[in-house]
Amino acid sequence: MSGKKTTRSSRKKRSKNPCKDCIPAKCCMYYSVEIDEPESTEDYDDMLWIIAHKDTEIYVNEGRWFVMVRNSCRFYDPEKGCLIYPKRPRICREHSIEDCEYFSDYDFDLHFHSYEELERYIRLNNLM
């Protein structure tokens, strides 16, 4: 047993939810998954198929490619915040205040919001 005494106030500080005032919670409004960097005509054609789906975007961040799906978490409540905060998934637990998008906009190397934007990029760069 350690000699350090845990007080009620120190327990309270440790369990504080730093996200409780984050409305709207940007990180709860989408998910993204890393994808392989496109290397062929077929890869770019597949990316066009992906981004043709509703609420889907593609972005490049620090040279890595991602698909973003703008679909909110089913456990996020606009008034109460995260309904499962104490037992939220690892990805949510590891999302730090330093990485939080709440105070800033996304700053990606490339960001395609639509089929047309990606198609224009492909055409201008002779990728297909």
C-alpha atoms as a PDB file:
ATOM      1  CA  MET A   1       0.000   0.000   0.000  1.00  0.00           C
ATOM      2  CA  SER A   2       1.428   3.415  -0.891  1.00  0.00           C
ATOM      3  CA  GLY A   3       1.771   6.158   1.644  1.00  0.00           C
ATOM      4  CA  LYS A   4      -0.103   8.576  -0.610  1.00  0.00           C
ATOM      5  CA  LYS A   5      -3.559   9.342   0.671  1.00  0.00           C
ATOM      6  CA  THR A   6      -6.295   9.733  -1.943  1.00  0.00           C
ATOM      7  CA  THR A   7      -8.728  12.447  -1.058  1.00  0.00           C
ATOM      8  CA  ARG A   8     -12.245  12.816  -2.341  1.00  0.00           C
ATOM      9  CA  SER A   9     -11.321  15.971  -4.278  1.00  0.00           C
ATOM     10  CA  SER A  10      -8.350  14.312  -6.025  1.00  0.00           C
ATOM     11  CA  ARG A  11     -10.562  11.363  -7.067  1.00  0.00           C
ATOM     12  CA  LYS A  12     -13.064  13.842  -8.451  1.00  0.00           C
ATOM     13  CA  LYS A  13     -10.410  15.625 -10.541  1.00  0.00           C
ATOM     14  CA  ARG A  14      -9.173  12.369 -12.094  1.00  0.00           C
ATOM     15  CA  SER A  15     -12.637  11.281 -13.177  1.00  0.00           C
ATOM     16  CA  LYS A  16     -13.598  14.667 -14.663  1.00  0.00           C
ATOM     17  CA  ASN A  17     -14.835  14.446 -18.246  1.00  0.00           C
ATOM     18  CA  PRO A  18     -12.759  16.982 -20.234  1.00  0.00           C
ATOM     19  CA  CYS A  19     -15.223  16.612 -23.132  1.00  0.00           C
ATOM     20  CA  LYS A  20     -18.394  17.467 -21.223  1.00  0.00           C
ATOM     21  CA  ASP A  21     -18.579  21.052 -22.541  1.00  0.00           C
ATOM     22  CA  CYS A  22     -17.599  20.157 -26.112  1.00  0.00           C
ATOM     23  CA  ILE A  23     -20.801  20.841 -28.027  1.00  0.00           C
ATOM     24  CA  PRO A  24     -20.927  20.002 -30.872  1.00  0.00           C
ATOM     25  CA  ALA A  25     -18.328  17.282 -30.418  1.00  0.00           C
ATOM     26  CA  LYS A  26     -16.595  17.306 -33.801  1.00  0.00           C
ATOM     27  CA  CYS A  27     -14.841  14.007 -33.122  1.00  0.00           C
ATOM     28  CA  CYS A  28     -18.219  12.329 -32.526  1.00  0.00           C
ATOM     29  CA  MET A  29     -19.650  13.531 -35.836  1.00  0.00           C
ATOM     30  CA  TYR A  30     -17.532  11.359 -38.148  1.00  0.00           C
ATOM     31  CA  TYR A  31     -15.101   8.496 -38.298  1.00  0.00           C
ATOM     32  CA  SER A  32     -12.156   8.008 -40.588  1.00  0.00           C
ATOM     33  CA  VAL A  33     -10.170   4.995 -41.659  1.00  0.00           C
ATOM     34  CA  GLU A  34      -6.737   4.948 -43.245  1.00  0.00           C
ATOM     35  CA  ILE A  35      -6.591   3.533 -46.771  1.00  0.00           C
ATOM     36  CA  ASP A  36      -3.706   2.578 -49.033  1.00  0.00           C
ATOM     37  CA  GLU A  37      -2.224   5.377 -51.089  1.00  0.00           C
ATOM     38  CA  PRO A  38      -3.592   5.086 -54.629  1.00  0.00           C
ATOM     39  CA  GLU A  39      -0.992   3.815 -57.093  1.00  0.00           C
ATOM     40  CA  SER A  40      -2.949   2.862 -60.200  1.00  0.00           C
ATOM     41  CA  THR A  41      -5.840   3.892 -62.402  1.00  0.00           C
ATOM     42  CA  GLU A  42      -7.927   1.214 -60.721  1.00  0.00           C
ATOM     43  CA  ASP A  43      -7.113   2.616 -57.263  1.00  0.00           C
ATOM     44  CA  TYR A  44      -8.284   6.094 -58.275  1.00  0.00           C
ATOM     45  CA  ASP A  45     -11.394   4.623 -59.852  1.00  0.00           C
ATOM     46  CA  ASP A  46     -12.113   2.791 -56.579  1.00  0.00           C
ATOM     47  CA  MET A  47     -11.690   6.069 -54.688  1.00  0.00           C
ATOM     48  CA  LEU A  48     -14.263   7.694 -56.967  1.00  0.00           C
ATOM     49  CA  TRP A  49     -16.647   4.843 -56.100  1.00  0.00           C
ATOM     50  CA  ILE A  50     -16.022   5.406 -52.376  1.00  0.00           C
ATOM     51  CA  ILE A  51     -16.597   9.156 -52.480  1.00  0.00           C
ATOM     52  CA  ALA A  52     -19.736   8.706 -54.589  1.00  0.00           C
ATOM     53  CA  HIS A  53     -21.430   7.531 -51.366  1.00  0.00           C
ATOM     54  CA  LYS A  54     -23.374  10.021 -49.308  1.00  0.00           C
ATOM     55  CA  ASP A  55     -21.516  11.865 -46.515  1.00  0.00           C
ATOM     56  CA  THR A  56     -18.130  10.411 -47.515  1.00  0.00           C
ATOM     57  CA  GLU A  57     -14.924  12.388 -48.002  1.00  0.00           C
ATOM     58  CA  ILE A  58     -11.295  11.511 -48.693  1.00  0.00           C
ATOM     59  CA  TYR A  59      -8.338  13.355 -47.262  1.00  0.00           C
ATOM     60  CA  VAL A  60      -4.562  13.178 -47.060  1.00  0.00           C
ATOM     61  CA  ASN A  61      -2.865  14.065 -43.797  1.00  0.00           C
ATOM     62  CA  GLU A  62       0.924  13.968 -43.448  1.00  0.00           C
ATOM     63  CA  GLY A  63       1.132  11.832 -46.599  1.00  0.00           C
ATOM     64  CA  ARG A  64      -1.373   9.233 -45.374  1.00  0.00           C
ATOM     65  CA  TRP A  65      -4.743   8.698 -47.129  1.00  0.00           C
ATOM     66  CA  PHE A  66      -8.050   8.403 -45.254  1.00  0.00           C
ATOM     67  CA  VAL A  67     -11.751   7.922 -45.907  1.00  0.00           C
ATOM     68  CA  MET A  68     -13.963  10.084 -43.683  1.00  0.00           C
ATOM     69  CA  VAL A  69     -17.591   9.167 -43.138  1.00  0.00           C
ATOM     70  CA  ARG A  70     -19.696  11.977 -41.721  1.00  0.00           C
ATOM     71  CA  ASN A  71     -21.995   9.920 -39.572  1.00  0.00           C
ATOM     72  CA  SER A  72     -22.417  10.762 -35.921  1.00  0.00           C
ATOM     73  CA  CYS A  73     -21.839   8.335 -33.092  1.00  0.00           C
ATOM     74  CA  ARG A  74     -25.079   6.785 -31.915  1.00  0.00           C
ATOM     75  CA  PHE A  75     -24.006   7.346 -28.286  1.00  0.00           C
ATOM     76  CA  TYR A  76     -23.600  11.119 -28.682  1.00  0.00           C
ATOM     77  CA  ASP A  77     -26.453  13.235 -27.335  1.00  0.00           C
ATOM     78  CA  PRO A  78     -26.373  16.980 -28.223  1.00  0.00           C
ATOM     79  CA  GLU A  79     -27.559  17.914 -24.728  1.00  0.00           C
ATOM     80  CA  LYS A  80     -25.807  15.321 -22.571  1.00  0.00           C
ATOM     81  CA  GLY A  81     -22.663  14.600 -24.604  1.00  0.00           C
ATOM     82  CA  CYS A  82     -21.259  11.076 -24.614  1.00  0.00           C
ATOM     83  CA  LEU A  83     -23.724   8.649 -23.093  1.00  0.00           C
ATOM     84  CA  ILE A  84     -21.053   5.960 -22.575  1.00  0.00           C
ATOM     85  CA  TYR A  85     -18.099   8.170 -21.552  1.00  0.00           C
ATOM     86  CA  PRO A  86     -16.849   5.954 -18.667  1.00  0.00           C
ATOM     87  CA  LYS A  87     -16.729   2.885 -20.955  1.00  0.00           C
ATOM     88  CA  ARG A  88     -16.130   4.504 -24.356  1.00  0.00           C
ATOM     89  CA  PRO A  89     -14.006   2.621 -26.939  1.00  0.00           C
ATOM     90  CA  ARG A  90     -10.201   2.783 -26.956  1.00  0.00           C
ATOM     91  CA  ILE A  91     -10.081   5.140 -29.947  1.00  0.00           C
ATOM     92  CA  CYS A  92     -12.196   7.645 -28.011  1.00  0.00           C
ATOM     93  CA  ARG A  93     -10.151   7.216 -24.819  1.00  0.00           C
ATOM     94  CA  GLU A  94      -6.886   7.778 -26.698  1.00  0.00           C
ATOM     95  CA  HIS A  95      -8.148  10.928 -28.436  1.00  0.00           C
ATOM     96  CA  SER A  96      -6.347  13.652 -26.511  1.00  0.00           C
ATOM     97  CA  ILE A  97      -7.119  17.290 -25.840  1.00  0.00           C
ATOM     98  CA  GLU A  98      -3.961  18.106 -27.850  1.00  0.00           C
ATOM     99  CA  ASP A  99      -5.487  16.363 -30.905  1.00  0.00           C
ATOM    100  CA  CYS A 100      -8.928  17.891 -30.396  1.00  0.00           C
ATOM    101  CA  GLU A 101     -10.552  19.538 -33.418  1.00  0.00           C
ATOM    102  CA  TYR A 102     -12.902  21.603 -31.256  1.00  0.00           C
ATOM    103  CA  PHE A 103     -10.786  24.763 -31.375  1.00  0.00           C
ATOM    104  CA  SER A 104      -9.592  24.536 -34.963  1.00  0.00           C
ATOM    105  CA  ASP A 105     -10.569  23.468 -38.434  1.00  0.00           C
ATOM    106  CA  TYR A 106      -9.063  20.464 -40.135  1.00  0.00           C
ATOM    107  CA  ASP A 107      -5.684  21.179 -41.691  1.00  0.00           C
ATOM    108  CA  PHE A 108      -5.213  18.377 -44.218  1.00  0.00           C
ATOM    109  CA  ASP A 109      -2.707  18.272 -47.074  1.00  0.00           C
ATOM    110  CA  LEU A 110      -5.565  17.410 -49.470  1.00  0.00           C
ATOM    111  CA  HIS A 111      -9.286  17.200 -48.760  1.00  0.00           C
ATOM    112  CA  PHE A 112     -11.897  16.001 -51.251  1.00  0.00           C
ATOM    113  CA  HIS A 113     -15.462  16.789 -50.208  1.00  0.00           C
ATOM    114  CA  SER A 114     -17.123  15.479 -53.344  1.00  0.00           C
ATOM    115  CA  TYR A 115     -16.856  13.177 -56.323  1.00  0.00           C
ATOM    116  CA  GLU A 116     -16.344  16.217 -58.552  1.00  0.00           C
ATOM    117  CA  GLU A 117     -13.413  17.549 -56.496  1.00  0.00           C
ATOM    118  CA  LEU A 118     -11.613  14.206 -56.573  1.00  0.00           C
ATOM    119  CA  GLU A 119     -12.345  13.728 -60.266  1.00  0.00           C
ATOM    120  CA  ARG A 120     -10.924  17.203 -61.029  1.00  0.00           C
ATOM    121  CA  TYR A 121      -7.770  16.409 -59.005  1.00  0.00           C
ATOM    122  CA  ILE A 122      -7.319  13.115 -60.870  1.00  0.00           C
ATOM    123  CA  ARG A 123      -7.824  14.787 -64.263  1.00  0.00           C
ATOM    124  CA  LEU A 124      -5.512  17.760 -63.557  1.00  0.00           C
ATOM    125  CA  ASN A 125      -2.769  15.442 -62.347  1.00  0.00           C
ATOM    126  CA  ASN A 126      -3.201  12.931 -65.217  1.00  0.00           C
ATOM    127  CA  LEU A 127      -3.780  10.071 -62.780  1.00  0.00           C
ATOM    128  CA  MET A 128      -6.344   8.221 -64.908  1.00  0.00           C
END
